[in-house]
N, C-alpha and C. Protein backbone atom coordinates (compact mmCIF):
# COMPACT_ATOMS: atom_id res chain seq x y z
N MET A 1 29.47 88.53 -171.12
CA MET A 1 29.46 88.28 -169.84
C MET A 1 30.25 87.67 -169.49
N ARG A 2 31.51 87.15 -170.69
CA ARG A 2 32.33 86.01 -171.06
C ARG A 2 33.63 87.36 -170.35
N PRO A 3 33.61 88.31 -170.24
CA PRO A 3 34.69 88.53 -169.58
C PRO A 3 35.48 88.66 -167.67
N PHE A 4 33.91 88.70 -167.39
CA PHE A 4 33.95 88.74 -166.22
C PHE A 4 34.09 87.83 -165.77
N VAL A 5 33.47 86.60 -166.12
CA VAL A 5 34.22 85.19 -165.85
C VAL A 5 35.94 84.89 -166.24
N ARG A 6 36.34 85.96 -167.28
CA ARG A 6 37.85 85.38 -167.24
C ARG A 6 38.46 86.63 -166.11
N ALA A 7 38.02 87.77 -165.21
CA ALA A 7 38.13 88.68 -164.83
C ALA A 7 38.25 88.44 -163.85
N ALA A 8 37.44 87.12 -162.64
CA ALA A 8 37.18 86.51 -162.11
C ALA A 8 38.56 85.48 -161.31
N PHE A 9 37.78 84.48 -162.27
CA PHE A 9 38.29 83.73 -162.37
C PHE A 9 39.46 83.20 -163.68
N PRO A 10 41.09 84.56 -162.93
CA PRO A 10 41.99 83.96 -164.53
C PRO A 10 42.23 83.08 -164.20
N ALA A 11 42.44 83.01 -165.99
CA ALA A 11 43.67 80.93 -166.42
C ALA A 11 45.02 81.50 -165.95
N GLY A 12 45.28 80.79 -165.79
CA GLY A 12 47.39 80.45 -165.68
C GLY A 12 48.19 80.70 -164.80
N PRO A 13 49.38 80.11 -164.74
CA PRO A 13 50.39 79.53 -163.54
C PRO A 13 49.97 79.73 -162.09
N LEU A 14 49.54 78.88 -161.35
CA LEU A 14 49.61 79.32 -159.57
C LEU A 14 51.04 78.85 -159.02
N PRO A 15 50.91 79.09 -157.79
CA PRO A 15 52.18 78.67 -156.85
C PRO A 15 52.20 77.02 -156.79
N GLY A 16 53.18 76.20 -157.02
CA GLY A 16 53.00 75.05 -157.18
C GLY A 16 52.99 73.96 -158.60
N GLY A 17 52.90 74.93 -159.24
CA GLY A 17 52.07 74.36 -160.91
C GLY A 17 51.00 74.00 -161.01
N ALA A 18 49.37 74.53 -160.55
CA ALA A 18 48.91 74.18 -160.33
C ALA A 18 48.12 75.17 -161.30
N THR A 19 47.15 75.05 -162.22
CA THR A 19 46.35 76.13 -163.29
C THR A 19 45.48 76.34 -162.79
N LEU A 20 45.06 77.55 -163.49
CA LEU A 20 43.29 77.38 -162.88
C LEU A 20 42.87 78.00 -164.17
N SER A 21 41.65 77.05 -163.89
CA SER A 21 41.01 77.89 -166.00
C SER A 21 39.32 77.26 -165.76
N PRO A 22 38.72 78.47 -166.30
CA PRO A 22 37.44 78.72 -166.12
C PRO A 22 36.59 77.23 -167.12
N ARG A 23 37.84 77.11 -167.46
CA ARG A 23 36.87 75.97 -168.19
C ARG A 23 37.88 74.18 -167.35
N ARG A 24 37.41 73.09 -167.25
CA ARG A 24 38.08 71.71 -166.65
C ARG A 24 37.57 70.87 -167.87
N LYS A 25 36.86 71.08 -168.28
CA LYS A 25 36.09 69.37 -169.14
C LYS A 25 36.21 70.35 -170.75
N PRO A 26 36.59 69.39 -171.65
CA PRO A 26 35.45 69.72 -172.45
C PRO A 26 34.52 70.29 -173.36
N GLY A 27 33.81 71.45 -173.26
CA GLY A 27 32.28 72.28 -173.21
C GLY A 27 31.68 71.96 -172.02
N ARG A 28 32.75 71.79 -170.88
CA ARG A 28 31.13 72.27 -169.50
C ARG A 28 32.53 73.15 -168.93
N THR A 29 31.32 74.60 -167.99
CA THR A 29 32.90 75.58 -168.01
C THR A 29 32.12 75.00 -166.23
N TRP A 30 32.99 75.76 -165.29
CA TRP A 30 32.99 75.78 -164.19
C TRP A 30 32.58 75.52 -162.99
N LEU A 31 30.59 76.02 -164.05
CA LEU A 31 29.39 76.56 -162.85
C LEU A 31 28.27 75.12 -163.27
N GLN A 32 28.08 75.31 -164.54
CA GLN A 32 27.99 72.99 -164.69
C GLN A 32 27.93 72.31 -164.37
N VAL A 33 26.93 71.77 -163.58
CA VAL A 33 26.82 70.45 -162.49
C VAL A 33 27.27 69.22 -163.92
N ASP A 34 27.63 68.36 -163.19
CA ASP A 34 27.81 66.29 -163.79
C ASP A 34 25.51 66.13 -163.97
N PRO A 35 25.97 66.45 -166.01
CA PRO A 35 24.14 65.54 -166.06
C PRO A 35 23.84 64.01 -165.07
N SER A 36 24.84 63.77 -164.55
CA SER A 36 24.02 61.95 -164.25
C SER A 36 23.96 62.39 -162.08
N ALA A 37 24.08 63.96 -161.38
CA ALA A 37 24.10 63.92 -160.61
C ALA A 37 22.22 63.82 -160.85
N ARG A 38 21.52 63.49 -158.98
CA ARG A 38 19.98 63.13 -159.37
C ARG A 38 20.23 64.99 -157.48
N MET A 39 18.89 64.94 -157.87
CA MET A 39 18.76 65.34 -156.85
C MET A 39 17.84 64.54 -155.60
N VAL A 40 17.69 64.61 -154.40
CA VAL A 40 16.71 63.98 -153.79
C VAL A 40 15.32 64.45 -154.07
N THR A 41 14.35 63.96 -154.24
CA THR A 41 13.21 64.04 -153.70
C THR A 41 12.34 64.49 -152.90
N ASP A 42 11.16 65.24 -152.81
CA ASP A 42 10.44 65.80 -151.80
C ASP A 42 10.13 64.42 -150.57
N VAL A 43 10.02 63.42 -151.43
CA VAL A 43 9.43 61.81 -150.62
C VAL A 43 10.53 61.36 -150.14
N GLN A 44 11.41 60.70 -150.87
CA GLN A 44 12.65 60.57 -149.71
C GLN A 44 12.99 61.65 -148.26
N LEU A 45 13.42 63.53 -149.58
CA LEU A 45 13.53 63.96 -147.49
C LEU A 45 12.68 64.18 -146.24
N ALA A 46 11.44 64.04 -147.20
CA ALA A 46 10.26 63.53 -145.94
C ALA A 46 10.82 62.18 -145.25
N ILE A 47 11.25 60.55 -145.57
CA ILE A 47 11.44 59.25 -144.76
C ILE A 47 12.22 59.46 -144.61
N PHE A 48 13.29 59.94 -144.86
CA PHE A 48 14.39 60.29 -143.74
C PHE A 48 14.46 61.23 -142.55
N ALA A 49 12.77 62.77 -142.90
CA ALA A 49 13.15 63.18 -142.04
C ALA A 49 12.07 62.94 -141.34
N ASN A 50 11.56 61.26 -141.37
CA ASN A 50 10.86 61.21 -140.51
C ASN A 50 11.19 60.14 -139.42
N MET A 51 11.88 58.77 -140.13
CA MET A 51 13.32 58.08 -139.67
C MET A 51 13.97 58.85 -138.95
N LEU A 52 14.28 59.84 -138.84
CA LEU A 52 15.62 60.19 -138.14
C LEU A 52 14.93 60.66 -136.57
N GLY A 53 13.38 61.57 -136.97
CA GLY A 53 12.39 61.82 -135.76
C GLY A 53 12.36 60.95 -135.13
N VAL A 54 11.80 59.86 -135.01
CA VAL A 54 11.37 58.73 -134.47
C VAL A 54 13.16 57.28 -134.22
N SER A 55 13.88 57.53 -134.80
CA SER A 55 15.01 57.14 -133.94
C SER A 55 14.88 57.74 -133.49
N LEU A 56 15.55 59.37 -133.34
CA LEU A 56 16.18 60.00 -131.55
C LEU A 56 14.77 60.12 -130.49
N PHE A 57 13.32 59.97 -131.00
CA PHE A 57 12.56 60.01 -129.46
C PHE A 57 12.95 58.81 -128.98
N LEU A 58 13.71 57.66 -130.18
CA LEU A 58 12.96 56.78 -129.32
C LEU A 58 14.82 56.70 -128.65
N LEU A 59 16.16 57.08 -128.58
CA LEU A 59 17.17 57.72 -127.98
C LEU A 59 16.64 57.79 -126.99
N VAL A 60 15.80 59.30 -127.04
CA VAL A 60 15.67 59.69 -125.54
C VAL A 60 14.50 58.56 -124.88
N VAL A 61 14.03 57.94 -125.40
CA VAL A 61 13.37 57.30 -124.11
C VAL A 61 13.91 56.02 -123.92
N LEU A 62 14.58 55.35 -124.16
CA LEU A 62 15.98 54.61 -123.48
C LEU A 62 16.87 55.79 -122.07
N TYR A 63 17.73 56.32 -122.98
CA TYR A 63 18.40 57.15 -122.18
C TYR A 63 17.66 58.11 -120.86
N HIS A 64 15.87 57.82 -120.93
CA HIS A 64 15.31 57.60 -119.76
C HIS A 64 15.00 56.61 -119.10
N TYR A 65 15.19 55.16 -119.87
CA TYR A 65 14.37 54.26 -119.06
C TYR A 65 16.16 53.53 -118.23
N VAL A 66 17.05 54.26 -118.62
CA VAL A 66 18.78 53.91 -117.75
C VAL A 66 18.80 54.62 -116.77
N ALA A 67 17.99 56.18 -117.26
CA ALA A 67 18.31 56.99 -116.65
C ALA A 67 17.44 56.36 -114.99
N VAL A 68 15.91 56.13 -115.33
CA VAL A 68 15.65 56.16 -114.08
C VAL A 68 15.69 54.87 -113.38
N ASN A 69 16.30 53.89 -113.70
CA ASN A 69 16.81 52.22 -113.71
C ASN A 69 17.32 51.83 -113.33
N ASN A 70 18.53 52.84 -113.56
CA ASN A 70 20.58 52.93 -112.99
C ASN A 70 20.38 52.61 -111.57
N PRO A 71 20.86 51.31 -111.16
CA PRO A 71 21.12 50.25 -110.12
C PRO A 71 22.42 51.12 -108.80
N LYS A 72 22.70 52.61 -109.18
CA LYS A 72 23.55 53.18 -108.48
C LYS A 72 23.22 54.71 -107.99
N ARG A 73 22.03 54.80 -108.15
CA ARG A 73 21.05 56.26 -108.68
C ARG A 73 20.69 56.09 -106.86
N GLN A 74 20.94 56.95 -106.31
CA GLN A 74 21.16 57.02 -104.99
C GLN A 74 18.81 57.72 -104.50
N GLU A 75 18.35 57.22 -103.87
CA GLU A 75 16.93 56.74 -102.93
C GLU A 75 16.87 58.02 -102.60
């Protein structure tokens, strides 16, 4: 499958002097991910989603409180 990668991403000069190569760093292909990168856990994602939901709900409540108590509102 190596020829397919080279055919899809040919090495060589590009306009402006840039080069495109399937290998960017020695020992690491363009498809590999940095091993120091970490994924978000499901617990962190759940906490983030809950906090976002609570904050949006509080913004809706605050909006309705301000809209009801507007002194310029005609009754």
